[in-house]
């Protein structure tokens, strides 16, 4: 089976989010208001997953990317 060209591969990076939905870019130990959720958005533009539990986002992300 041929591999999909890199330009058309789907990616869904997971980002940490604060309660006000701003991205958490703090390093460990810095003053941070706290991470309240995790979000993964696919580059296909048709899929997004959000949860307060990172493992739940990782599982749905893996399922989405596997079925692409």
PDB file of N, CA and C in Angstrom:
ATOM      1  N   UNK A   1       0.847  -1.181   0.000  1.00  0.00           N
ATOM      2  CA  UNK A   1       0.000   0.000   0.000  1.00  0.00           C
ATOM      3  C   UNK A   1       0.893   1.246   0.000  1.00  0.00           C
ATOM      4  N   UNK A   2       0.667   2.184  -0.920  1.00  0.00           N
ATOM      5  CA  UNK A   2       1.501   3.381  -0.982  1.00  0.00           C
ATOM      6  C   UNK A   2       1.250   4.284   0.223  1.00  0.00           C
ATOM      7  N   UNK A   3       2.289   4.961   0.625  1.00  0.00           N
ATOM      8  CA  UNK A   3       2.164   5.890   1.745  1.00  0.00           C
ATOM      9  C   UNK A   3       1.570   7.207   1.263  1.00  0.00           C
ATOM     10  N   UNK A   4       0.836   7.850   2.155  1.00  0.00           N
ATOM     11  CA  UNK A   4       0.226   9.140   1.841  1.00  0.00           C
ATOM     12  C   UNK A   4       1.321  10.207   1.825  1.00  0.00           C
ATOM     13  N   UNK A   5       1.353  11.065   0.821  1.00  0.00           N
ATOM     14  CA  UNK A   5       2.351  12.132   0.794  1.00  0.00           C
ATOM     15  C   UNK A   5       2.256  12.994   2.052  1.00  0.00           C
ATOM     16  N   UNK A   6       3.384  13.507   2.494  1.00  0.00           N
ATOM     17  CA  UNK A   6       3.435  14.290   3.733  1.00  0.00           C
ATOM     18  C   UNK A   6       2.484  15.485   3.695  1.00  0.00           C
ATOM     19  N   UNK A   7       2.268  16.069   2.539  1.00  0.00           N
ATOM     20  CA  UNK A   7       1.410  17.248   2.444  1.00  0.00           C
ATOM     21  C   UNK A   7      -0.050  16.927   2.758  1.00  0.00           C
ATOM     22  N   UNK A   8      -0.455  15.670   2.603  1.00  0.00           N
ATOM     23  CA  UNK A   8      -1.853  15.321   2.841  1.00  0.00           C
ATOM     24  C   UNK A   8      -2.058  14.513   4.120  1.00  0.00           C
ATOM     25  N   UNK A   9      -1.000  14.278   4.878  1.00  0.00           N
ATOM     26  CA  UNK A   9      -1.139  13.551   6.135  1.00  0.00           C
ATOM     27  C   UNK A   9      -1.902  14.387   7.141  1.00  0.00           C
ATOM     28  N   UNK A  10      -2.705  13.710   7.899  1.00  0.00           N
ATOM     29  CA  UNK A  10      -3.460  14.386   8.941  1.00  0.00           C
ATOM     30  C   UNK A  10      -2.632  14.429  10.216  1.00  0.00           C
ATOM     31  N   UNK A  11      -2.716  15.540  10.906  1.00  0.00           N
ATOM     32  CA  UNK A  11      -2.062  15.715  12.195  1.00  0.00           C
ATOM     33  C   UNK A  11      -3.104  16.273  13.144  1.00  0.00           C
ATOM     34  N   UNK A  12      -2.992  15.918  14.409  1.00  0.00           N
ATOM     35  CA  UNK A  12      -3.913  16.432  15.420  1.00  0.00           C
ATOM     36  C   UNK A  12      -3.146  16.659  16.721  1.00  0.00           C
ATOM     37  N   UNK A  13      -2.356  17.725  16.766  1.00  0.00           N
ATOM     38  CA  UNK A  13      -1.590  17.989  17.978  1.00  0.00           C
ATOM     39  C   UNK A  13      -2.506  18.282  19.168  1.00  0.00           C
ATOM     40  N   UNK A  14      -2.076  17.866  20.334  1.00  0.00           N
ATOM     41  CA  UNK A  14      -2.844  18.087  21.563  1.00  0.00           C
ATOM     42  C   UNK A  14      -2.295  19.327  22.249  1.00  0.00           C
ATOM     43  N   UNK A  15      -3.208  20.222  22.639  1.00  0.00           N
ATOM     44  CA  UNK A  15      -2.793  21.424  23.354  1.00  0.00           C
ATOM     45  C   UNK A  15      -3.474  21.493  24.717  1.00  0.00           C
ATOM     46  N   UNK A  16      -2.752  22.044  25.679  1.00  0.00           N
ATOM     47  CA  UNK A  16      -3.299  22.253  27.021  1.00  0.00           C
ATOM     48  C   UNK A  16      -4.025  23.596  27.028  1.00  0.00           C
ATOM     49  N   UNK A  17      -5.158  23.668  27.732  1.00  0.00           N
ATOM     50  CA  UNK A  17      -5.960  24.895  27.745  1.00  0.00           C
ATOM     51  C   UNK A  17      -6.275  25.323  29.171  1.00  0.00           C
ATOM     52  N   UNK A  18      -6.320  26.636  29.397  1.00  0.00           N
ATOM     53  CA  UNK A  18      -6.744  27.199  30.674  1.00  0.00           C
ATOM     54  C   UNK A  18      -8.274  27.268  30.715  1.00  0.00           C
ATOM     55  N   UNK A  19      -8.828  27.634  31.851  1.00  0.00           N
ATOM     56  CA  UNK A  19     -10.282  27.735  32.014  1.00  0.00           C
ATOM     57  C   UNK A  19     -10.894  28.754  31.052  1.00  0.00           C
ATOM     58  N   UNK A  20     -10.149  29.807  30.710  1.00  0.00           N
ATOM     59  CA  UNK A  20     -10.668  30.828  29.784  1.00  0.00           C
ATOM     60  C   UNK A  20     -10.416  30.464  28.323  1.00  0.00           C
ATOM     61  N   UNK A  21     -10.017  29.223  28.062  1.00  0.00           N
ATOM     62  CA  UNK A  21      -9.773  28.654  26.739  1.00  0.00           C
ATOM     63  C   UNK A  21      -8.532  29.204  26.041  1.00  0.00           C
ATOM     64  N   UNK A  22      -7.640  29.850  26.772  1.00  0.00           N
ATOM     65  CA  UNK A  22      -6.373  30.271  26.188  1.00  0.00           C
ATOM     66  C   UNK A  22      -5.388  29.120  26.279  1.00  0.00           C
ATOM     67  N   UNK A  23      -4.472  29.025  25.313  1.00  0.00           N
ATOM     68  CA  UNK A  23      -3.502  27.930  25.364  1.00  0.00           C
ATOM     69  C   UNK A  23      -2.541  28.084  26.532  1.00  0.00           C
ATOM     70  N   UNK A  24      -2.167  26.975  27.127  1.00  0.00           N
ATOM     71  CA  UNK A  24      -1.192  26.979  28.221  1.00  0.00           C
ATOM     72  C   UNK A  24       0.176  26.727  27.624  1.00  0.00           C
ATOM     73  N   UNK A  25       1.023  27.724  27.649  1.00  0.00           N
ATOM     74  CA  UNK A  25       2.363  27.601  27.092  1.00  0.00           C
ATOM     75  C   UNK A  25       3.414  27.686  28.189  1.00  0.00           C
ATOM     76  N   UNK A  26       2.982  27.620  29.444  1.00  0.00           N
ATOM     77  CA  UNK A  26       3.904  27.726  30.572  1.00  0.00           C
ATOM     78  C   UNK A  26       4.775  26.486  30.693  1.00  0.00           C
ATOM     79  N   UNK A  27       5.983  26.689  31.129  1.00  0.00           N
ATOM     80  CA  UNK A  27       6.860  25.561  31.437  1.00  0.00           C
ATOM     81  C   UNK A  27       6.578  25.107  32.860  1.00  0.00           C
ATOM     82  N   UNK A  28       6.933  23.883  33.144  1.00  0.00           N
ATOM     83  CA  UNK A  28       6.712  23.334  34.476  1.00  0.00           C
ATOM     84  C   UNK A  28       7.406  24.219  35.517  1.00  0.00           C
ATOM     85  N   UNK A  29       6.675  24.564  36.555  1.00  0.00           N
ATOM     86  CA  UNK A  29       7.232  25.387  37.622  1.00  0.00           C
ATOM     87  C   UNK A  29       6.967  26.876  37.468  1.00  0.00           C
ATOM     88  N   UNK A  30       6.494  27.310  36.308  1.00  0.00           N
ATOM     89  CA  UNK A  30       6.180  28.725  36.120  1.00  0.00           C
ATOM     90  C   UNK A  30       4.806  29.026  36.693  1.00  0.00           C
ATOM     91  N   UNK A  31       4.538  30.298  36.895  1.00  0.00           N
ATOM     92  CA  UNK A  31       3.241  30.727  37.411  1.00  0.00           C
ATOM     93  C   UNK A  31       2.171  30.459  36.352  1.00  0.00           C
ATOM     94  N   UNK A  32       1.286  29.513  36.636  1.00  0.00           N
ATOM     95  CA  UNK A  32       0.257  29.101  35.682  1.00  0.00           C
ATOM     96  C   UNK A  32      -1.081  29.025  36.411  1.00  0.00           C
ATOM     97  N   UNK A  33      -2.146  29.550  35.807  1.00  0.00           N
ATOM     98  CA  UNK A  33      -3.456  29.481  36.461  1.00  0.00           C
ATOM     99  C   UNK A  33      -4.030  28.062  36.489  1.00  0.00           C
ATOM    100  N   UNK A  34      -3.430  27.156  35.771  1.00  0.00           N
ATOM    101  CA  UNK A  34      -3.869  25.761  35.794  1.00  0.00           C
ATOM    102  C   UNK A  34      -4.491  25.309  34.487  1.00  0.00           C
ATOM    103  N   UNK A  35      -4.181  24.093  34.126  1.00  0.00           N
ATOM    104  CA  UNK A  35      -4.735  23.479  32.918  1.00  0.00           C
ATOM    105  C   UNK A  35      -6.071  22.846  33.290  1.00  0.00           C
ATOM    106  N   UNK A  36      -7.118  23.175  32.530  1.00  0.00           N
ATOM    107  CA  UNK A  36      -8.438  22.609  32.822  1.00  0.00           C
ATOM    108  C   UNK A  36      -8.925  21.657  31.747  1.00  0.00           C
ATOM    109  N   UNK A  37      -8.294  21.717  30.555  1.00  0.00           N
ATOM    110  CA  UNK A  37      -8.715  20.801  29.491  1.00  0.00           C
ATOM    111  C   UNK A  37      -7.599  20.614  28.478  1.00  0.00           C
ATOM    112  N   UNK A  38      -7.820  19.620  27.637  1.00  0.00           N
ATOM    113  CA  UNK A  38      -6.903  19.313  26.546  1.00  0.00           C
ATOM    114  C   UNK A  38      -7.724  19.277  25.268  1.00  0.00           C
ATOM    115  N   UNK A  39      -7.144  19.800  24.193  1.00  0.00           N
ATOM    116  CA  UNK A  39      -7.839  19.847  22.910  1.00  0.00           C
ATOM    117  C   UNK A  39      -6.930  19.319  21.809  1.00  0.00           C
ATOM    118  N   UNK A  40      -7.502  18.522  20.931  1.00  0.00           N
ATOM    119  CA  UNK A  40      -6.803  18.076  19.731  1.00  0.00           C
ATOM    120  C   UNK A  40      -7.667  18.472  18.542  1.00  0.00           C
ATOM    121  N   UNK A  41      -7.069  19.160  17.592  1.00  0.00           N
ATOM    122  CA  UNK A  41      -7.772  19.578  16.386  1.00  0.00           C
ATOM    123  C   UNK A  41      -7.007  19.036  15.187  1.00  0.00           C
ATOM    124  N   UNK A  42      -7.693  18.318  14.324  1.00  0.00           N
ATOM    125  CA  UNK A  42      -7.051  17.708  13.167  1.00  0.00           C
ATOM    126  C   UNK A  42      -6.880  18.723  12.035  1.00  0.00           C
ATOM    127  N   UNK A  43      -5.818  18.537  11.287  1.00  0.00           N
ATOM    128  CA  UNK A  43      -5.558  19.406  10.145  1.00  0.00           C
ATOM    129  C   UNK A  43      -6.572  19.208   9.024  1.00  0.00           C
ATOM    130  N   UNK A  44      -7.387  18.145   9.102  1.00  0.00           N
ATOM    131  CA  UNK A  44      -8.415  17.932   8.074  1.00  0.00           C
ATOM    132  C   UNK A  44      -9.521  18.986   8.190  1.00  0.00           C
ATOM    133  N   UNK A  45      -9.636  19.607   9.361  1.00  0.00           N
ATOM    134  CA  UNK A  45     -10.637  20.644   9.558  1.00  0.00           C
ATOM    135  C   UNK A  45     -12.021  20.143   9.926  1.00  0.00           C
ATOM    136  N   UNK A  46     -12.179  18.826  10.061  1.00  0.00           N
ATOM    137  CA  UNK A  46     -13.494  18.256  10.340  1.00  0.00           C
ATOM    138  C   UNK A  46     -13.584  17.545  11.683  1.00  0.00           C
ATOM    139  N   UNK A  47     -12.526  17.627  12.496  1.00  0.00           N
ATOM    140  CA  UNK A  47     -12.531  16.872  13.744  1.00  0.00           C
ATOM    141  C   UNK A  47     -11.829  17.659  14.847  1.00  0.00           C
ATOM    142  N   UNK A  48     -12.465  17.680  16.017  1.00  0.00           N
ATOM    143  CA  UNK A  48     -11.869  18.278  17.202  1.00  0.00           C
ATOM    144  C   UNK A  48     -12.371  17.521  18.418  1.00  0.00           C
ATOM    145  N   UNK A  49     -11.488  17.297  19.378  1.00  0.00           N
ATOM    146  CA  UNK A  49     -11.860  16.603  20.607  1.00  0.00           C
ATOM    147  C   UNK A  49     -11.357  17.420  21.787  1.00  0.00           C
ATOM    148  N   UNK A  50     -12.198  17.567  22.806  1.00  0.00           N
ATOM    149  CA  UNK A  50     -11.825  18.301  24.011  1.00  0.00           C
ATOM    150  C   UNK A  50     -12.280  17.510  25.223  1.00  0.00           C
ATOM    151  N   UNK A  51     -11.418  17.455  26.235  1.00  0.00           N
ATOM    152  CA  UNK A  51     -11.749  16.755  27.473  1.00  0.00           C
ATOM    153  C   UNK A  51     -10.847  17.270  28.582  1.00  0.00           C
ATOM    154  N   UNK A  52     -11.293  17.093  29.805  1.00  0.00           N
ATOM    155  CA  UNK A  52     -10.476  17.425  30.959  1.00  0.00           C
ATOM    156  C   UNK A  52      -9.461  16.339  31.263  1.00  0.00           C
ATOM    157  N   UNK A  53      -9.556  15.230  30.544  1.00  0.00           N
ATOM    158  CA  UNK A  53      -8.656  14.094  30.751  1.00  0.00           C
ATOM    159  C   UNK A  53      -7.842  13.882  29.485  1.00  0.00           C
ATOM    160  N   UNK A  54      -6.525  14.063  29.588  1.00  0.00           N
ATOM    161  CA  UNK A  54      -5.658  13.951  28.411  1.00  0.00           C
ATOM    162  C   UNK A  54      -5.756  12.573  27.750  1.00  0.00           C
ATOM    163  N   UNK A  55      -5.838  11.515  28.550  1.00  0.00           N
ATOM    164  CA  UNK A  55      -5.901  10.160  27.999  1.00  0.00           C
ATOM    165  C   UNK A  55      -7.124   9.980  27.104  1.00  0.00           C
ATOM    166  N   UNK A  56      -8.233  10.621  27.443  1.00  0.00           N
ATOM    167  CA  UNK A  56      -9.444  10.531  26.616  1.00  0.00           C
ATOM    168  C   UNK A  56      -9.208  11.192  25.260  1.00  0.00           C
ATOM    169  N   UNK A  57      -8.540  12.329  25.263  1.00  0.00           N
ATOM    170  CA  UNK A  57      -8.224  13.019  24.006  1.00  0.00           C
ATOM    171  C   UNK A  57      -7.247  12.182  23.177  1.00  0.00           C
ATOM    172  N   UNK A  58      -6.239  11.615  23.844  1.00  0.00           N
ATOM    173  CA  UNK A  58      -5.264  10.785  23.130  1.00  0.00           C
ATOM    174  C   UNK A  58      -5.927   9.584  22.468  1.00  0.00           C
ATOM    175  N   UNK A  59      -6.854   8.940  23.176  1.00  0.00           N
ATOM    176  CA  UNK A  59      -7.534   7.767  22.629  1.00  0.00           C
ATOM    177  C   UNK A  59      -8.382   8.127  21.413  1.00  0.00           C
ATOM    178  N   UNK A  60      -9.164   9.196  21.503  1.00  0.00           N
ATOM    179  CA  UNK A  60      -9.997   9.613  20.373  1.00  0.00           C
ATOM    180  C   UNK A  60      -9.150  10.102  19.205  1.00  0.00           C
ATOM    181  N   UNK A  61      -8.052  10.759  19.509  1.00  0.00           N
ATOM    182  CA  UNK A  61      -7.126  11.234  18.479  1.00  0.00           C
ATOM    183  C   UNK A  61      -6.552  10.046  17.713  1.00  0.00           C
ATOM    184  N   UNK A  62      -6.087   9.036  18.440  1.00  0.00           N
ATOM    185  CA  UNK A  62      -5.519   7.848  17.794  1.00  0.00           C
ATOM    186  C   UNK A  62      -6.560   7.169  16.914  1.00  0.00           C
ATOM    187  N   UNK A  63      -7.783   7.083  17.393  1.00  0.00           N
ATOM    188  CA  UNK A  63      -8.867   6.475  16.615  1.00  0.00           C
ATOM    189  C   UNK A  63      -9.128   7.269  15.337  1.00  0.00           C
ATOM    190  N   UNK A  64      -9.196   8.584  15.446  1.00  0.00           N
ATOM    191  CA  UNK A  64      -9.436   9.434  14.277  1.00  0.00           C
ATOM    192  C   UNK A  64      -8.311   9.289  13.256  1.00  0.00           C
ATOM    193  N   UNK A  65      -7.072   9.385  13.719  1.00  0.00           N
ATOM    194  CA  UNK A  65      -5.942   9.327  12.790  1.00  0.00           C
ATOM    195  C   UNK A  65      -5.797   7.948  12.158  1.00  0.00           C
ATOM    196  N   UNK A  66      -6.135   6.914  12.879  1.00  0.00           N
ATOM    197  CA  UNK A  66      -6.058   5.553  12.347  1.00  0.00           C
ATOM    198  C   UNK A  66      -7.087   5.330  11.229  1.00  0.00           C
ATOM    199  N   UNK A  67      -8.234   5.994  11.346  1.00  0.00           N
ATOM    200  CA  UNK A  67      -9.314   5.816  10.373  1.00  0.00           C
ATOM    201  C   UNK A  67      -9.216   6.794   9.194  1.00  0.00           C
ATOM    202  N   UNK A  68      -8.179   7.515   9.085  1.00  0.00           N
ATOM    203  CA  UNK A  68      -7.998   8.464   7.971  1.00  0.00           C
ATOM    204  C   UNK A  68      -7.411   7.787   6.797  1.00  0.00           C
TER     205      UNK A  68
END
